[in-house]
Amino acid sequence: MYSCPESIVRMWRHSYGDEMAKEILMSLEGRPPMNARVNTLKTSAESLKKSFEESGITAEYSDCTENCLKLFNTGSIESLVQYREGLFHIQDTASQLCCKMLEAEENQIILDVCSAPGGKSFTLAEMMNNKGKIISCDLYEARTGLVEKGAKRLGIDIIKTKTGNSAEMEFPMADRVLCDVPCSGLGIIRRKPELRYKEDLGLDELPDVQYEILCNSAKFVKAGGILIYSTCTLNPWENNENARKFLEEHEDFEAYALKIPENIKRGIEENENELTLFPQINDTDGFFISAFRKK
């Protein structure tokens, strides 16, 4: 009925219950929302909304977070004059909320250890008013090149890229660390339908790889600093289990309660430092966010 592998359906039923699993499967059939993160270094949400409407594009304010517009009837994004002028970048509201949870401030040092293609680094730079330093890392030069290209288009100059394996790399100490790890992608199947036909999603190996990246990244959080661990999947073994294991094995960190906007609704019972976002509840990508503070 839902064109989804039995193994994934079974996992969602076991993890979230039959009714929630059915709702997730139904949400995969819809067209995913297109959200623009307003580049507040160059414009405002009001001005950009007006500009879009003058171009024949329908734009609505997001209920999830500020400086975000939901777009309709856009045509090719890269052909838009607003895009060429660097007035926005495309980013789902789940990712924007993840950046908000990091509580970035001006003149801080921030690590984005798995950053490509750069959306979260861009949003964080805008939240910092382009003041401070963001180190954006990824495994391949072609990927960090995308971050550099995007930053240039948006007029951001505080992002410095670094190429390498974030499970092993050395970084400078930072006020904030964002660890948005590679994952099975089960939260974005409606954007990448090919995932449902992939023979091996890495569900057995990925949690260990993610945990290695998280543990290494944690070494570079300053005392009192915030560490965010996130994924774009719906799988407790990649999400809540890794977050809880980290707290159990790292006594120098404590759970940091997420400041969740009133309009965002929880779908399952979780710890106060954890949030799983479900497509059918908040019209976001399926996403997981957890926060820790260095003692």
Protein backbone atom coordinates (compact mmCIF):
# COMPACT_ATOMS: atom_id res chain seq x y z
CA MET A 1 0.00 0.00 0.00
CA TYR A 2 2.77 2.46 0.88
CA SER A 3 5.63 1.15 -1.31
CA CYS A 4 7.95 0.97 1.68
CA PRO A 5 10.19 -1.99 2.60
CA GLU A 6 8.82 -4.31 5.24
CA SER A 7 11.96 -3.89 7.36
CA ILE A 8 11.36 -0.13 7.71
CA VAL A 9 7.64 -0.58 8.37
CA ARG A 10 8.45 -3.16 11.04
CA MET A 11 10.99 -0.85 12.68
CA TRP A 12 8.56 2.10 12.77
CA ARG A 13 5.77 -0.09 14.19
CA HIS A 14 8.10 -1.38 16.90
CA SER A 15 9.51 2.08 17.68
CA TYR A 16 6.46 4.34 17.46
CA GLY A 17 3.39 2.07 17.44
CA ASP A 18 1.04 1.04 14.64
CA GLU A 19 -0.95 4.27 14.40
CA MET A 20 2.13 6.54 14.31
CA ALA A 21 3.82 4.23 11.80
CA LYS A 22 0.77 4.42 9.53
CA GLU A 23 0.72 8.22 9.76
CA ILE A 24 4.43 8.40 8.86
CA LEU A 25 3.85 6.14 5.84
CA MET A 26 0.90 8.25 4.67
CA SER A 27 3.01 11.42 4.94
CA LEU A 28 5.58 9.99 2.52
CA GLU A 29 3.11 10.30 -0.34
CA GLY A 30 2.71 14.07 -0.10
CA ARG A 31 4.80 16.71 -1.77
CA PRO A 32 7.42 18.03 0.68
CA PRO A 33 7.23 21.71 1.63
CA MET A 34 9.75 24.16 0.21
CA ASN A 35 11.05 26.60 2.80
CA ALA A 36 13.34 29.56 2.31
CA ARG A 37 15.60 30.75 5.11
CA VAL A 38 15.73 34.54 4.86
CA ASN A 39 19.25 35.95 4.67
CA THR A 40 18.85 38.57 7.37
CA LEU A 41 22.28 39.98 6.50
CA LYS A 42 20.74 41.39 3.31
CA THR A 43 16.98 41.63 3.77
CA SER A 44 14.01 40.96 6.07
CA ALA A 45 11.24 38.37 5.92
CA GLU A 46 8.73 41.09 5.09
CA SER A 47 10.80 42.52 2.23
CA LEU A 48 11.61 39.12 0.77
CA LYS A 49 7.96 38.02 0.95
CA LYS A 50 6.93 41.14 -0.95
CA SER A 51 9.68 40.59 -3.52
CA PHE A 52 8.58 36.99 -4.09
CA GLU A 53 4.96 38.04 -4.53
CA GLU A 54 5.96 40.68 -7.07
CA SER A 55 7.67 37.85 -8.98
CA GLY A 56 4.48 35.78 -8.97
CA ILE A 57 5.63 33.43 -6.21
CA THR A 58 3.34 32.67 -3.28
CA ALA A 59 5.16 33.04 0.06
CA GLU A 60 3.76 32.39 3.53
CA TYR A 61 5.32 32.97 6.94
CA SER A 62 6.30 29.78 8.71
CA ASP A 63 4.50 28.80 11.90
CA CYS A 64 7.59 26.92 13.10
CA THR A 65 10.30 29.56 13.27
CA GLU A 66 11.07 33.16 12.42
CA ASN A 67 12.78 34.36 9.22
CA CYS A 68 11.38 31.43 7.27
CA LEU A 69 9.04 31.55 4.28
CA LYS A 70 7.11 28.64 2.79
CA LEU A 71 7.20 28.92 -1.01
CA PHE A 72 4.78 27.82 -3.74
CA ASN A 73 4.94 28.04 -7.56
CA THR A 74 8.64 28.87 -7.63
CA GLY A 75 9.83 27.18 -10.80
CA SER A 76 13.60 26.78 -10.90
CA ILE A 77 15.03 28.18 -7.66
CA GLU A 78 18.45 28.99 -9.12
CA SER A 79 16.88 31.12 -11.86
CA LEU A 80 15.22 33.46 -9.35
CA VAL A 81 16.72 36.93 -9.04
CA GLN A 82 16.27 36.72 -5.25
CA TYR A 83 18.42 33.59 -5.23
CA ARG A 84 21.15 35.09 -7.41
CA GLU A 85 21.25 38.14 -5.13
CA GLY A 86 21.77 35.87 -2.12
CA LEU A 87 18.59 36.87 -0.29
CA PHE A 88 17.79 33.32 0.88
CA HIS A 89 18.77 29.68 0.84
CA ILE A 90 16.49 26.65 0.76
CA GLN A 91 16.32 24.86 4.12
CA ASP A 92 13.63 22.77 5.76
CA THR A 93 12.17 24.13 8.98
CA ALA A 94 13.51 21.12 10.91
CA SER A 95 17.07 22.14 10.08
CA GLN A 96 16.31 25.76 10.93
CA LEU A 97 14.92 24.68 14.31
CA CYS A 98 18.07 22.64 14.88
CA CYS A 99 20.17 25.77 14.38
CA LYS A 100 17.91 27.73 16.72
CA MET A 101 18.44 25.13 19.46
CA LEU A 102 22.19 25.76 19.31
CA GLU A 103 21.61 29.30 20.65
CA ALA A 104 24.41 30.83 18.59
CA GLU A 105 25.53 34.34 19.47
CA GLU A 106 27.74 37.00 17.93
CA ASN A 107 31.52 36.57 18.22
CA GLN A 108 31.37 32.90 19.18
CA ILE A 109 33.42 30.07 17.70
CA ILE A 110 31.15 27.37 16.23
CA LEU A 111 32.01 23.96 14.79
CA ASP A 112 29.70 22.42 12.19
CA VAL A 113 31.44 19.07 11.88
CA CYS A 114 29.36 17.49 9.05
CA SER A 115 28.35 20.66 7.28
CA ALA A 116 27.91 20.15 3.52
CA PRO A 117 26.12 21.49 1.59
CA GLY A 118 26.20 24.23 4.23
CA GLY A 119 22.61 25.19 5.06
CA LYS A 120 23.07 25.03 8.82
CA SER A 121 26.36 26.93 8.70
CA PHE A 122 24.66 29.66 6.65
CA THR A 123 21.75 29.95 9.08
CA LEU A 124 24.09 30.06 12.07
CA ALA A 125 26.17 32.80 10.41
CA GLU A 126 23.02 34.84 9.87
CA MET A 127 21.99 34.33 13.49
CA MET A 128 25.46 35.58 14.50
CA ASN A 129 25.12 38.66 12.23
CA ASN A 130 28.21 37.46 10.38
CA LYS A 131 30.35 38.11 13.49
CA GLY A 132 32.53 35.40 14.97
CA LYS A 133 33.89 32.22 13.36
CA ILE A 134 32.28 29.07 11.97
CA ILE A 135 34.42 26.08 11.04
CA SER A 136 32.51 23.92 8.55
CA CYS A 137 33.92 20.45 8.05
CA ASP A 138 33.11 17.65 5.63
CA LEU A 139 34.78 14.51 4.34
CA TYR A 140 35.44 15.59 0.73
CA GLU A 141 36.76 18.77 -0.89
CA ALA A 142 33.93 18.77 -3.43
CA ARG A 143 31.49 18.95 -0.52
CA THR A 144 33.28 21.74 1.35
CA GLY A 145 33.49 23.54 -2.00
CA LEU A 146 29.69 23.69 -2.00
CA VAL A 147 29.79 25.37 1.40
CA GLU A 148 32.27 27.97 0.19
CA LYS A 149 30.23 28.68 -2.94
CA GLY A 150 27.02 29.10 -0.95
CA ALA A 151 28.64 31.36 1.63
CA LYS A 152 29.97 33.62 -1.12
CA ARG A 153 26.53 33.93 -2.73
CA LEU A 154 24.99 34.87 0.62
CA GLY A 155 27.70 37.40 1.51
CA ILE A 156 28.92 35.41 4.54
CA ASP A 157 32.62 35.66 5.35
CA ILE A 158 32.92 34.07 8.83
CA ILE A 159 32.77 30.48 7.51
CA LYS A 160 36.07 28.63 7.12
CA THR A 161 35.97 25.11 5.68
CA LYS A 162 38.00 22.09 6.70
CA THR A 163 38.17 18.74 4.90
CA GLY A 164 38.50 15.43 6.74
CA ASN A 165 36.91 12.73 8.87
CA SER A 166 35.13 14.32 11.82
CA ALA A 167 35.44 11.11 13.83
CA GLU A 168 39.22 11.64 13.94
CA MET A 169 39.97 15.32 13.26
CA GLU A 170 41.36 17.92 15.63
CA PHE A 171 39.50 21.21 15.99
CA PRO A 172 39.95 24.39 18.03
CA MET A 173 37.85 24.64 21.19
CA ALA A 174 34.41 26.07 20.45
CA ASP A 175 31.47 27.71 22.22
CA ARG A 176 28.98 25.68 20.21
CA VAL A 177 29.34 22.39 18.32
CA LEU A 178 26.80 21.09 15.81
CA CYS A 179 27.09 17.38 15.11
CA ASP A 180 24.55 16.70 12.35
CA VAL A 181 25.75 13.22 11.46
CA PRO A 182 25.39 11.07 8.33
CA CYS A 183 22.30 8.91 8.78
CA SER A 184 19.89 6.50 7.09
CA GLY A 185 17.74 9.42 5.90
CA LEU A 186 14.42 7.83 6.86
CA GLY A 187 13.04 11.26 7.76
CA ILE A 188 13.42 12.59 4.22
CA ILE A 189 12.04 9.74 2.09
CA ARG A 190 9.47 12.06 0.53
CA ARG A 191 12.41 14.17 -0.73
CA LYS A 192 14.52 11.14 -1.68
CA PRO A 193 12.06 8.37 -2.61
CA GLU A 194 14.93 6.23 -3.89
CA LEU A 195 15.85 5.52 -0.27
CA ARG A 196 12.93 3.10 0.04
CA TYR A 197 14.48 0.92 -2.67
CA LYS A 198 18.02 0.97 -1.28
CA GLU A 199 19.06 -2.55 -0.30
CA ASP A 200 21.26 -1.54 2.64
CA LEU A 201 20.48 1.65 4.57
CA GLY A 202 23.27 0.95 7.04
CA LEU A 203 20.91 0.59 9.98
CA ASP A 204 23.29 -1.82 11.72
CA GLU A 205 26.53 0.12 11.21
CA LEU A 206 25.43 3.76 11.25
CA PRO A 207 24.79 4.17 15.01
CA ASP A 208 28.41 3.27 15.77
CA VAL A 209 29.77 5.63 13.11
CA GLN A 210 27.54 8.44 14.38
CA TYR A 211 28.59 7.82 17.96
CA GLU A 212 32.28 8.02 17.04
CA ILE A 213 31.71 11.40 15.38
CA LEU A 214 29.73 12.64 18.38
CA CYS A 215 32.37 11.52 20.91
CA ASN A 216 35.22 13.11 18.97
CA SER A 217 33.29 16.36 18.45
CA ALA A 218 32.55 16.55 22.17
CA LYS A 219 36.25 16.92 22.93
CA PHE A 220 36.22 20.43 21.49
CA VAL A 221 33.32 21.95 23.43
CA LYS A 222 34.36 24.68 25.87
CA ALA A 223 33.23 24.52 29.49
CA GLY A 224 29.64 25.77 29.57
CA GLY A 225 29.32 25.26 25.81
CA ILE A 226 26.45 23.57 23.99
CA LEU A 227 26.69 20.44 21.85
CA ILE A 228 23.88 19.45 19.47
CA TYR A 229 23.56 15.96 18.04
CA SER A 230 21.06 15.65 15.18
CA THR A 231 19.97 13.45 12.28
CA CYS A 232 17.39 13.54 9.49
CA THR A 233 16.14 10.05 10.23
CA LEU A 234 13.34 8.38 12.20
CA ASN A 235 15.13 5.54 13.96
CA PRO A 236 15.59 5.48 17.75
CA TRP A 237 18.85 3.52 17.47
CA GLU A 238 20.41 6.35 15.49
CA ASN A 239 18.64 9.00 17.58
CA ASN A 240 17.57 8.64 21.22
CA GLU A 241 19.73 5.61 21.93
CA ASN A 242 22.91 7.38 20.83
CA ALA A 243 21.96 10.52 22.78
CA ARG A 244 21.34 8.57 25.98
CA LYS A 245 24.45 6.45 25.57
CA PHE A 246 26.49 9.64 25.23
CA LEU A 247 25.22 11.01 28.55
CA GLU A 248 25.87 7.70 30.28
CA GLU A 249 29.47 7.59 29.10
CA HIS A 250 30.37 11.30 29.38
CA GLU A 251 30.13 12.55 32.94
CA ASP A 252 31.53 15.94 31.91
CA PHE A 253 28.29 16.65 29.99
CA GLU A 254 24.71 17.14 31.17
CA ALA A 255 21.37 17.09 29.36
CA TYR A 256 20.45 20.58 28.15
CA ALA A 257 16.69 21.18 27.92
CA LEU A 258 15.59 22.24 24.44
CA LYS A 259 13.70 25.51 24.15
CA ILE A 260 10.94 24.24 21.86
CA PRO A 261 8.68 26.86 20.20
CA GLU A 262 5.02 26.73 21.26
CA ASN A 263 3.85 25.81 17.75
CA ILE A 264 6.02 22.68 17.64
CA LYS A 265 4.24 19.59 18.94
CA ARG A 266 5.89 16.47 20.28
CA GLY A 267 4.84 13.17 18.73
CA ILE A 268 6.33 10.82 21.33
CA GLU A 269 7.43 10.98 24.94
CA GLU A 270 11.12 11.90 25.18
CA ASN A 271 13.65 13.42 27.54
CA GLU A 272 13.65 17.23 27.81
CA ASN A 273 16.91 17.45 25.82
CA GLU A 274 15.50 15.37 22.92
CA LEU A 275 13.02 16.15 20.14
CA THR A 276 11.86 13.93 17.29
CA LEU A 277 10.07 15.87 14.56
CA PHE A 278 7.54 13.92 12.49
CA PRO A 279 6.43 15.04 8.99
CA GLN A 280 2.74 14.46 9.66
CA ILE A 281 2.71 16.48 12.89
CA ASN A 282 4.69 19.66 12.19
CA ASP A 283 5.00 19.48 8.36
CA THR A 284 8.78 19.27 8.66
CA ASP A 285 11.25 16.65 7.55
CA GLY A 286 11.56 13.73 9.93
CA PHE A 287 14.35 14.91 12.20
CA PHE A 288 15.97 14.35 15.59
CA ILE A 289 17.64 16.97 17.82
CA SER A 290 19.35 16.44 21.16
CA ALA A 291 21.33 18.92 23.26
CA PHE A 292 24.07 18.65 25.87
CA ARG A 293 26.04 21.19 27.90
CA LYS A 294 29.66 20.82 28.96
CA LYS A 295 29.91 21.13 32.72
